C-alpha atoms as a PDB file:
ATOM      1  CA  UNK A   1     182.057  88.742  76.027  1.00  0.00           C
ATOM      2  CA  UNK A   2     184.803  88.924  78.612  1.00  0.00           C
ATOM      3  CA  UNK A   3     188.555  88.711  78.472  1.00  0.00           C
ATOM      4  CA  UNK A   4     190.861  88.859  81.476  1.00  0.00           C
ATOM      5  CA  UNK A   5     194.602  89.270  81.525  1.00  0.00           C
ATOM      6  CA  UNK A   6     196.620  88.394  84.619  1.00  0.00           C
ATOM      7  CA  UNK A   7     198.685  91.386  85.658  1.00  0.00           C
ATOM      8  CA  UNK A   8     200.477  89.642  88.493  1.00  0.00           C
ATOM      9  CA  UNK A   9     200.388  92.723  90.710  1.00  0.00           C
ATOM     10  CA  UNK A  10     198.489  95.698  92.056  1.00  0.00           C
ATOM     11  CA  UNK A  11     199.134  98.070  89.171  1.00  0.00           C
ATOM     12  CA  UNK A  12     196.849 100.997  88.423  1.00  0.00           C
ATOM     13  CA  UNK A  13     193.898 100.252  86.180  1.00  0.00           C
ATOM     14  CA  UNK A  14     192.019 102.733  83.994  1.00  0.00           C
ATOM     15  CA  UNK A  15     188.553 102.124  82.581  1.00  0.00           C
ATOM     16  CA  UNK A  16     187.240 103.135  79.157  1.00  0.00           C
ATOM     17  CA  UNK A  17     183.481 102.932  78.658  1.00  0.00           C
ATOM     18  CA  UNK A  18     181.614 103.623  75.421  1.00  0.00           C
ATOM     19  CA  UNK A  19     178.763 102.539  73.177  1.00  0.00           C
ATOM     20  CA  UNK A  20     178.575 101.521  69.538  1.00  0.00           C
ATOM     21  CA  UNK A  21     175.311 102.037  67.680  1.00  0.00           C
ATOM     22  CA  UNK A  22     174.845  99.369  65.040  1.00  0.00           C
ATOM     23  CA  UNK A  23     171.840 100.024  62.783  1.00  0.00           C
ATOM     24  CA  UNK A  24     171.614  96.298  62.028  1.00  0.00           C
ATOM     25  CA  UNK A  25     171.919  94.996  65.596  1.00  0.00           C
ATOM     26  CA  UNK A  26     171.250  97.733  68.167  1.00  0.00           C
ATOM     27  CA  UNK A  27     173.384  99.469  70.781  1.00  0.00           C
ATOM     28  CA  UNK A  28     176.433  97.669  72.168  1.00  0.00           C
ATOM     29  CA  UNK A  29     178.295  98.797  75.267  1.00  0.00           C
ATOM     30  CA  UNK A  30     182.006  98.190  75.677  1.00  0.00           C
ATOM     31  CA  UNK A  31     184.244  98.468  78.748  1.00  0.00           C
ATOM     32  CA  UNK A  32     188.013  98.118  78.496  1.00  0.00           C
ATOM     33  CA  UNK A  33     190.286  98.182  81.525  1.00  0.00           C
ATOM     34  CA  UNK A  34     193.955  98.867  80.826  1.00  0.00           C
ATOM     35  CA  UNK A  35     197.099  99.132  82.909  1.00  0.00           C
ATOM     36  CA  UNK A  36     199.365 102.201  83.038  1.00  0.00           C
ATOM     37  CA  UNK A  37     201.119 101.065  79.855  1.00  0.00           C
ATOM     38  CA  UNK A  38     197.804 100.788  77.992  1.00  0.00           C
ATOM     39  CA  UNK A  39     197.772  96.975  77.963  1.00  0.00           C
ATOM     40  CA  UNK A  40     194.357  95.328  78.370  1.00  0.00           C
ATOM     41  CA  UNK A  41     193.447  93.862  81.739  1.00  0.00           C
ATOM     42  CA  UNK A  42     189.777  93.108  81.061  1.00  0.00           C
ATOM     43  CA  UNK A  43     187.244  93.635  78.308  1.00  0.00           C
ATOM     44  CA  UNK A  44     183.480  93.373  78.608  1.00  0.00           C
ATOM     45  CA  UNK A  45     180.721  94.115  76.137  1.00  0.00           C
ATOM     46  CA  UNK A  46     176.967  93.866  76.226  1.00  0.00           C
ATOM     47  CA  UNK A  47     174.645  92.004  73.959  1.00  0.00           C
ATOM     48  CA  UNK A  48     172.971  94.421  71.586  1.00  0.00           C
ATOM     49  CA  UNK A  49     170.171  96.482  73.103  1.00  0.00           C
ATOM     50  CA  UNK A  50     167.287  97.264  70.776  1.00  0.00           C
ATOM     51  CA  UNK A  51     164.864  99.963  71.810  1.00  0.00           C
ATOM     52  CA  UNK A  52     161.220  99.187  71.189  1.00  0.00           C
ATOM     53  CA  UNK A  53     158.799 101.870  70.060  1.00  0.00           C
ATOM     54  CA  UNK A  54     156.962 101.493  73.396  1.00  0.00           C
ATOM     55  CA  UNK A  55     160.196 102.134  75.347  1.00  0.00           C
ATOM     56  CA  UNK A  56     160.947 105.194  73.243  1.00  0.00           C
ATOM     57  CA  UNK A  57     157.476 106.556  73.953  1.00  0.00           C
ATOM     58  CA  UNK A  58     157.470 105.753  77.682  1.00  0.00           C
ATOM     59  CA  UNK A  59     160.991 106.984  78.440  1.00  0.00           C
ATOM     60  CA  UNK A  60     160.767 109.989  76.150  1.00  0.00           C
ATOM     61  CA  UNK A  61     163.766 112.322  76.455  1.00  0.00           C
ATOM     62  CA  UNK A  62     165.173 110.268  79.371  1.00  0.00           C
ATOM     63  CA  UNK A  63     165.683 107.146  77.216  1.00  0.00           C
ATOM     64  CA  UNK A  64     169.280 107.771  76.134  1.00  0.00           C
ATOM     65  CA  UNK A  65     170.450 108.569  79.682  1.00  0.00           C
ATOM     66  CA  UNK A  66     168.698 105.473  81.024  1.00  0.00           C
ATOM     67  CA  UNK A  67     170.117 103.176  78.339  1.00  0.00           C
ATOM     68  CA  UNK A  68     173.657 104.500  78.539  1.00  0.00           C
ATOM     69  CA  UNK A  69     173.835 105.221  82.245  1.00  0.00           C
ATOM     70  CA  UNK A  70     171.967 102.405  83.898  1.00  0.00           C
ATOM     71  CA  UNK A  71     171.207  99.593  81.501  1.00  0.00           C
ATOM     72  CA  UNK A  72     174.520  99.535  79.621  1.00  0.00           C
ATOM     73  CA  UNK A  73     177.104 101.488  81.651  1.00  0.00           C
ATOM     74  CA  UNK A  74     175.955 100.345  85.090  1.00  0.00           C
ATOM     75  CA  UNK A  75     175.872  96.701  83.986  1.00  0.00           C
ATOM     76  CA  UNK A  76     179.352  96.859  82.444  1.00  0.00           C
ATOM     77  CA  UNK A  77     180.945  98.551  85.460  1.00  0.00           C
ATOM     78  CA  UNK A  78     179.412  95.914  87.732  1.00  0.00           C
ATOM     79  CA  UNK A  79     181.133  93.191  85.668  1.00  0.00           C
ATOM     80  CA  UNK A  80     184.618  94.642  86.118  1.00  0.00           C
ATOM     81  CA  UNK A  81     186.850  92.608  88.402  1.00  0.00           C
ATOM     82  CA  UNK A  82     189.366  95.426  88.822  1.00  0.00           C
ATOM     83  CA  UNK A  83     188.508  98.824  90.315  1.00  0.00           C
ATOM     84  CA  UNK A  84     190.000 101.480  88.048  1.00  0.00           C
ATOM     85  CA  UNK A  85     191.470 104.815  89.147  1.00  0.00           C
ATOM     86  CA  UNK A  86     188.904 106.483  86.864  1.00  0.00           C
ATOM     87  CA  UNK A  87     186.370 105.497  84.228  1.00  0.00           C
ATOM     88  CA  UNK A  88     186.687 107.552  81.050  1.00  0.00           C
ATOM     89  CA  UNK A  89     183.954 107.843  78.452  1.00  0.00           C
ATOM     90  CA  UNK A  90     183.766 109.541  75.088  1.00  0.00           C
ATOM     91  CA  UNK A  91     179.960 109.643  75.089  1.00  0.00           C
ATOM     92  CA  UNK A  92     178.258 112.467  77.000  1.00  0.00           C
ATOM     93  CA  UNK A  93     175.151 110.341  77.594  1.00  0.00           C
ATOM     94  CA  UNK A  94     177.356 107.739  79.297  1.00  0.00           C
ATOM     95  CA  UNK A  95     178.049 110.279  82.060  1.00  0.00           C
ATOM     96  CA  UNK A  96     174.608 109.204  83.315  1.00  0.00           C
ATOM     97  CA  UNK A  97     176.407 106.147  84.741  1.00  0.00           C
ATOM     98  CA  UNK A  98     177.805 108.278  87.600  1.00  0.00           C
ATOM     99  CA  UNK A  99     174.810 107.808  89.971  1.00  0.00           C
ATOM    100  CA  UNK A 100     175.154 104.033  89.488  1.00  0.00           C
ATOM    101  CA  UNK A 101     178.801 103.693  90.584  1.00  0.00           C
ATOM    102  CA  UNK A 102     181.169 104.854  93.289  1.00  0.00           C
ATOM    103  CA  UNK A 103     183.981 105.090  90.720  1.00  0.00           C
ATOM    104  CA  UNK A 104     185.050 108.504  89.460  1.00  0.00           C
ATOM    105  CA  UNK A 105     183.826 109.139  85.911  1.00  0.00           C
ATOM    106  CA  UNK A 106     185.194 111.640  83.410  1.00  0.00           C
ATOM    107  CA  UNK A 107     184.417 112.701  79.854  1.00  0.00           C
ATOM    108  CA  UNK A 108     187.349 112.604  77.422  1.00  0.00           C
ATOM    109  CA  UNK A 109     187.652 114.045  73.920  1.00  0.00           C
ATOM    110  CA  UNK A 110     190.239 115.577  71.654  1.00  0.00           C
ATOM    111  CA  UNK A 111     191.608 118.797  73.140  1.00  0.00           C
ATOM    112  CA  UNK A 112     190.682 122.082  71.430  1.00  0.00           C
ATOM    113  CA  UNK A 113     191.398 125.755  72.090  1.00  0.00           C
ATOM    114  CA  UNK A 114     187.821 126.190  73.404  1.00  0.00           C
ATOM    115  CA  UNK A 115     188.062 123.533  76.153  1.00  0.00           C
ATOM    116  CA  UNK A 116     186.203 123.946  79.417  1.00  0.00           C
ATOM    117  CA  UNK A 117     188.601 125.407  82.004  1.00  0.00           C
ATOM    118  CA  UNK A 118     187.060 123.127  84.653  1.00  0.00           C
ATOM    119  CA  UNK A 119     188.794 120.153  83.082  1.00  0.00           C
ATOM    120  CA  UNK A 120     192.409 119.447  82.199  1.00  0.00           C
ATOM    121  CA  UNK A 121     194.482 118.275  79.258  1.00  0.00           C
ATOM    122  CA  UNK A 122     196.539 115.091  79.060  1.00  0.00           C
ATOM    123  CA  UNK A 123     198.477 114.905  75.824  1.00  0.00           C
ATOM    124  CA  UNK A 124     196.013 115.483  72.982  1.00  0.00           C
ATOM    125  CA  UNK A 125     192.947 114.741  75.150  1.00  0.00           C
ATOM    126  CA  UNK A 126     190.780 117.017  77.266  1.00  0.00           C
ATOM    127  CA  UNK A 127     189.357 115.401  80.418  1.00  0.00           C
ATOM    128  CA  UNK A 128     186.359 116.736  82.319  1.00  0.00           C
ATOM    129  CA  UNK A 129     185.454 114.944  85.570  1.00  0.00           C
ATOM    130  CA  UNK A 130     181.751 114.706  86.393  1.00  0.00           C
ATOM    131  CA  UNK A 131     180.320 117.146  88.931  1.00  0.00           C
ATOM    132  CA  UNK A 132     180.590 114.749  91.860  1.00  0.00           C
ATOM    133  CA  UNK A 133     184.213 113.948  91.072  1.00  0.00           C
ATOM    134  CA  UNK A 134     185.568 117.492  90.758  1.00  0.00           C
ATOM    135  CA  UNK A 135     187.088 117.226  94.251  1.00  0.00           C
ATOM    136  CA  UNK A 136     189.226 114.319  93.058  1.00  0.00           C
ATOM    137  CA  UNK A 137     190.386 116.145  89.931  1.00  0.00           C
ATOM    138  CA  UNK A 138     193.997 116.663  91.044  1.00  0.00           C
ATOM    139  CA  UNK A 139     194.414 112.989  91.983  1.00  0.00           C
ATOM    140  CA  UNK A 140     192.754 111.847  88.756  1.00  0.00           C
ATOM    141  CA  UNK A 141     194.926 114.211  86.721  1.00  0.00           C
ATOM    142  CA  UNK A 142     198.112 112.899  88.350  1.00  0.00           C
ATOM    143  CA  UNK A 143     197.174 109.276  87.683  1.00  0.00           C
ATOM    144  CA  UNK A 144     196.088 109.978  84.099  1.00  0.00           C
ATOM    145  CA  UNK A 145     199.396 111.688  83.404  1.00  0.00           C
ATOM    146  CA  UNK A 146     201.022 108.276  83.976  1.00  0.00           C
ATOM    147  CA  UNK A 147     198.706 106.626  81.444  1.00  0.00           C
ATOM    148  CA  UNK A 148     198.885 109.595  79.058  1.00  0.00           C
ATOM    149  CA  UNK A 149     202.652 109.171  78.821  1.00  0.00           C
ATOM    150  CA  UNK A 150     202.078 105.742  77.268  1.00  0.00           C
ATOM    151  CA  UNK A 151     198.739 106.050  75.445  1.00  0.00           C
ATOM    152  CA  UNK A 152     196.606 108.684  73.719  1.00  0.00           C
ATOM    153  CA  UNK A 153     193.547 108.749  76.026  1.00  0.00           C
ATOM    154  CA  UNK A 154     191.197 108.723  73.014  1.00  0.00           C
ATOM    155  CA  UNK A 155     192.769 105.617  71.440  1.00  0.00           C
ATOM    156  CA  UNK A 156     191.312 102.867  73.709  1.00  0.00           C
ATOM    157  CA  UNK A 157     187.819 103.816  72.523  1.00  0.00           C
ATOM    158  CA  UNK A 158     188.938 102.877  69.001  1.00  0.00           C
ATOM    159  CA  UNK A 159     190.014  99.456  70.321  1.00  0.00           C
ATOM    160  CA  UNK A 160     186.613  98.925  71.939  1.00  0.00           C
ATOM    161  CA  UNK A 161     184.794  99.807  68.722  1.00  0.00           C
ATOM    162  CA  UNK A 162     187.072  97.533  66.677  1.00  0.00           C
ATOM    163  CA  UNK A 163     186.557  94.627  69.118  1.00  0.00           C
ATOM    164  CA  UNK A 164     182.776  95.042  69.001  1.00  0.00           C
ATOM    165  CA  UNK A 165     182.851  95.276  65.198  1.00  0.00           C
ATOM    166  CA  UNK A 166     184.938  92.097  65.073  1.00  0.00           C
ATOM    167  CA  UNK A 167     182.552  90.287  67.449  1.00  0.00           C
ATOM    168  CA  UNK A 168     179.610  91.175  65.177  1.00  0.00           C
ATOM    169  CA  UNK A 169     181.317  89.353  62.291  1.00  0.00           C
ATOM    170  CA  UNK A 170     181.353  86.036  64.166  1.00  0.00           C
END
């Protein structure tokens, strides 16, 4: 499924990448690109991925990282027509996408008092860039502050889940 929205300019884009595990269908990946105001630019989702017993045995403990990072995340990022400032994910296993893209990737979750000092807070969200993107942290933080003024950084993941849930009904 893909949806594109014409922005008419070279505005900043921000990517949100997650997965939805549906017991009835399998694992769906969703990728939403938004502008600095939080409006959708593109949306992509995968067909459901069902793991066979043989795959689970052969991949062992590396299965989740492979599914999230390469098979789902890598495929979705390759479909994007707009290069975002950063790709945010709310799934730790999705951080395995980093070796499969040149885009900076960061983990986002609700901020707490026990947050990792290596990351930073934007509104009510804590953001932790992946190891390879730590050098770009200041630039990422500045750009996310623009988006964070308009949108709770955890909210677009809810939109992705709702869109995937809606697509399963049809």
